[in-house]
Every structure is written in C-alpha cells, then in structure tokens.
Amino acid sequence: MVPLLAIVLSVPLALISALHFYWAFGGHLGASAVIPTKPEPSGPLERAHVFSPGPVATAGVATLLVVAALIPLAVSGLISVPVPSTLVRLGIWTLAVVFLLRAIGDFRYVGLTKRVRGTPFAKADTRLYTPLCFGLSAVAFVLAVGSA
C-alpha cells in the first residue's frame, strides 16, 4: 500500500514540475489561470497579476517540485537517495504541511480562505488547485505517519 501511495503522490508532482519547466522555457499552454489576479483601481473588469514570476523563478519552482516528487519514493523505499533517512522523513512531513497550508490559503488570493473570487485563477483554484493540494497533503500525511 505504501509504494502505491508514494506513486500516487509522486506522479502529480512530477507532472506539475514538467509543466513548470515548460513555462520556464517559454511555453504558454495552460498558463492563463495559474497566477492569482486582483482588481485594478482603473476599473472593475481590469485585472493585474498579484506577482509575475520570471523564467528563473519558474524553473526554481519546477526543480523544487522534482525534489518533492522524489521524497515519497524515497520514504517508501522505492528509490535510494544519498541523504539521511531522518531528512527524508522531515521532507515528507514538510510536504504534508506545505500542501495543507496552500489548501487553506492566504486569506486573500488562494485556497479556501481566498476573498478575491470570480477571476479565472480563483475559479481554477476552487475547482482544481485547492482540492489537489488537500489530496496531496492527505497522502503525504499518511506516508509521513507510516514512516515514523
């Protein structure tokens, strides 16, 4: 059961990482609703991105996601990594907490607590990103408890 859960957690993280690398190297497919927007004072229909990550930042996120995808495989014993097992266990707990916090949100633009709604990002966040983060967090917590 643990190896299956590790794969269930690692595959989406690897796919999301690949998507970030695609964007970092200039791809645009699927990028229209992945950055939160806020209303502009110039008019209610005008929206501005909350932040604008460049290629280096996007590649950095993609690299962190690769590492995140390896952690469940390492904690379950499916792969061997050259780091202490304590660090691997800390990594799976970190994944569980980070994805839970992302799902809860920032009380403004992302997660269950977002106040800005109705934007393309907010709709995608409600339908896809937040539930995905809850699911990833839950699987990571199960793996973390199982590895303790």
Protein backbone atom coordinates (compact mmCIF):
# COMPACT_ATOMS: atom_id res chain seq x y z
CA MET A 1 0.00 0.00 0.00
CA VAL A 2 2.80 2.45 0.87
CA PRO A 3 4.54 2.13 -2.53
CA LEU A 4 1.22 2.79 -4.28
CA LEU A 5 0.62 5.91 -2.17
CA ALA A 6 4.15 7.10 -2.90
CA ILE A 7 3.47 6.79 -6.63
CA VAL A 8 0.07 8.49 -6.24
CA LEU A 9 1.87 11.45 -4.64
CA SER A 10 4.94 11.50 -6.88
CA VAL A 11 3.27 11.33 -10.29
CA PRO A 12 1.22 14.54 -9.98
CA LEU A 13 4.22 16.36 -8.51
CA ALA A 14 6.39 15.23 -11.41
CA LEU A 15 3.74 16.29 -13.94
CA ILE A 16 3.34 19.69 -12.31
CA SER A 17 7.13 20.04 -12.33
CA ALA A 18 7.24 19.27 -16.05
CA LEU A 19 4.56 21.90 -16.66
CA HIS A 20 6.61 24.48 -14.74
CA PHE A 21 9.72 23.64 -16.78
CA TYR A 22 7.64 24.05 -19.94
CA TRP A 23 6.55 27.50 -18.77
CA ALA A 24 10.09 28.41 -17.68
CA PHE A 25 11.34 27.72 -21.18
CA GLY A 26 8.70 29.89 -22.84
CA GLY A 27 5.61 27.70 -23.12
CA HIS A 28 2.20 29.31 -22.71
CA LEU A 29 -0.27 26.42 -22.88
CA GLY A 30 -2.38 26.32 -19.74
CA ALA A 31 -0.82 29.46 -18.27
CA SER A 32 -3.91 31.68 -18.42
CA ALA A 33 -5.29 30.82 -14.96
CA VAL A 34 -2.28 29.82 -12.88
CA ILE A 35 -1.33 33.16 -11.32
CA PRO A 36 -3.74 34.96 -8.99
CA THR A 37 -5.09 38.30 -10.16
CA LYS A 38 -6.53 41.27 -8.30
CA PRO A 39 -8.90 44.00 -9.42
CA GLU A 40 -7.23 47.15 -10.72
CA PRO A 41 -8.33 50.56 -9.45
CA SER A 42 -8.73 51.70 -13.06
CA GLY A 43 -11.84 49.60 -13.49
CA PRO A 44 -13.69 46.55 -12.14
CA LEU A 45 -13.05 44.48 -15.27
CA GLU A 46 -9.31 45.18 -15.30
CA ARG A 47 -7.17 42.59 -13.55
CA ALA A 48 -3.48 42.57 -12.66
CA HIS A 49 -1.36 39.62 -11.63
CA VAL A 50 -0.52 39.50 -7.93
CA PHE A 51 3.04 38.56 -8.92
CA SER A 52 4.86 37.85 -12.18
CA PRO A 53 7.42 35.06 -11.87
CA GLY A 54 10.16 35.05 -14.44
CA PRO A 55 11.79 32.04 -16.08
CA VAL A 56 14.38 31.59 -13.31
CA ALA A 57 11.77 31.60 -10.54
CA THR A 58 9.54 29.25 -12.52
CA ALA A 59 12.45 26.87 -13.12
CA GLY A 60 13.25 27.07 -9.40
CA VAL A 61 9.70 26.00 -8.54
CA ALA A 62 9.96 23.21 -11.11
CA THR A 63 13.20 21.99 -9.51
CA LEU A 64 11.65 22.04 -6.03
CA LEU A 65 8.75 20.02 -7.40
CA VAL A 66 11.19 17.41 -8.77
CA VAL A 67 12.69 17.10 -5.29
CA ALA A 68 9.19 16.92 -3.82
CA ALA A 69 8.32 14.11 -6.25
CA LEU A 70 11.37 12.12 -5.14
CA ILE A 71 10.63 12.38 -1.41
CA PRO A 72 7.63 9.99 -1.34
CA LEU A 73 9.54 7.47 -3.44
CA ALA A 74 12.46 7.68 -1.03
CA VAL A 75 10.35 7.48 2.13
CA SER A 76 8.59 4.38 0.80
CA GLY A 77 11.87 2.71 -0.15
CA LEU A 78 11.15 2.66 -3.88
CA ILE A 79 14.34 4.62 -4.54
CA SER A 80 17.53 5.16 -2.61
CA VAL A 81 18.78 8.70 -2.08
CA PRO A 82 22.14 9.84 -0.69
CA VAL A 83 20.63 11.68 2.29
CA PRO A 84 19.94 10.55 5.87
CA SER A 85 16.55 8.88 6.41
CA THR A 86 15.77 11.50 9.05
CA LEU A 87 15.97 14.18 6.37
CA VAL A 88 13.70 12.16 4.07
CA ARG A 89 11.13 11.77 6.88
CA LEU A 90 11.35 15.51 7.58
CA GLY A 91 10.77 16.07 3.86
CA ILE A 92 7.54 14.07 3.76
CA TRP A 93 6.23 15.90 6.84
CA THR A 94 7.17 19.19 5.19
CA LEU A 95 5.27 18.25 2.03
CA ALA A 96 2.20 17.36 4.08
CA VAL A 97 2.24 20.67 5.95
CA VAL A 98 3.09 22.84 2.94
CA PHE A 99 0.26 21.42 0.83
CA LEU A 100 -2.18 21.71 3.73
CA LEU A 101 -1.23 25.35 4.23
CA ARG A 102 -1.57 26.00 0.48
CA ALA A 103 -5.03 24.44 0.52
CA ILE A 104 -6.11 26.55 3.50
CA GLY A 105 -4.81 29.63 1.72
CA ASP A 106 -3.51 33.11 2.35
CA PHE A 107 -6.83 34.82 3.24
CA ARG A 108 -6.62 36.90 0.05
CA TYR A 109 -5.99 35.17 -3.27
CA VAL A 110 -5.54 31.38 -2.85
CA GLY A 111 -7.07 28.43 -1.04
CA LEU A 112 -10.24 28.01 0.96
CA THR A 113 -9.77 31.36 2.66
CA LYS A 114 -9.43 33.45 -0.51
CA ARG A 115 -11.53 36.63 -0.67
CA VAL A 116 -10.90 37.50 -4.32
CA ARG A 117 -13.29 35.32 -6.28
CA GLY A 118 -14.66 35.30 -9.79
CA THR A 119 -11.30 35.56 -11.57
CA PRO A 120 -10.12 32.77 -13.87
CA PHE A 121 -7.48 31.83 -11.29
CA ALA A 122 -9.96 31.85 -8.39
CA LYS A 123 -12.32 29.56 -10.30
CA ALA A 124 -9.50 27.15 -11.17
CA ASP A 125 -8.25 27.33 -7.59
CA THR A 126 -11.67 26.38 -6.21
CA ARG A 127 -12.25 23.57 -8.69
CA LEU A 128 -8.76 22.12 -9.08
CA TYR A 129 -5.79 23.59 -7.22
CA THR A 130 -7.18 23.62 -3.66
CA PRO A 131 -8.72 20.12 -3.81
CA LEU A 132 -5.49 18.82 -5.36
CA CYS A 133 -3.44 20.36 -2.55
CA PHE A 134 -5.74 18.82 0.07
CA GLY A 135 -5.36 15.43 -1.61
CA LEU A 136 -1.58 15.70 -1.89
CA SER A 137 -1.42 16.77 1.74
CA ALA A 138 -3.56 13.85 2.89
CA VAL A 139 -1.45 11.29 1.03
CA ALA A 140 1.74 12.88 2.34
CA PHE A 141 0.40 12.76 5.92
CA VAL A 142 -0.41 9.05 5.53
CA LEU A 143 3.11 8.41 4.23
CA ALA A 144 4.62 10.54 7.00
CA VAL A 145 2.76 8.68 9.73
CA GLY A 146 3.70 5.37 8.10
CA SER A 147 7.36 6.31 8.02
CA ALA A 148 7.58 7.45 11.64
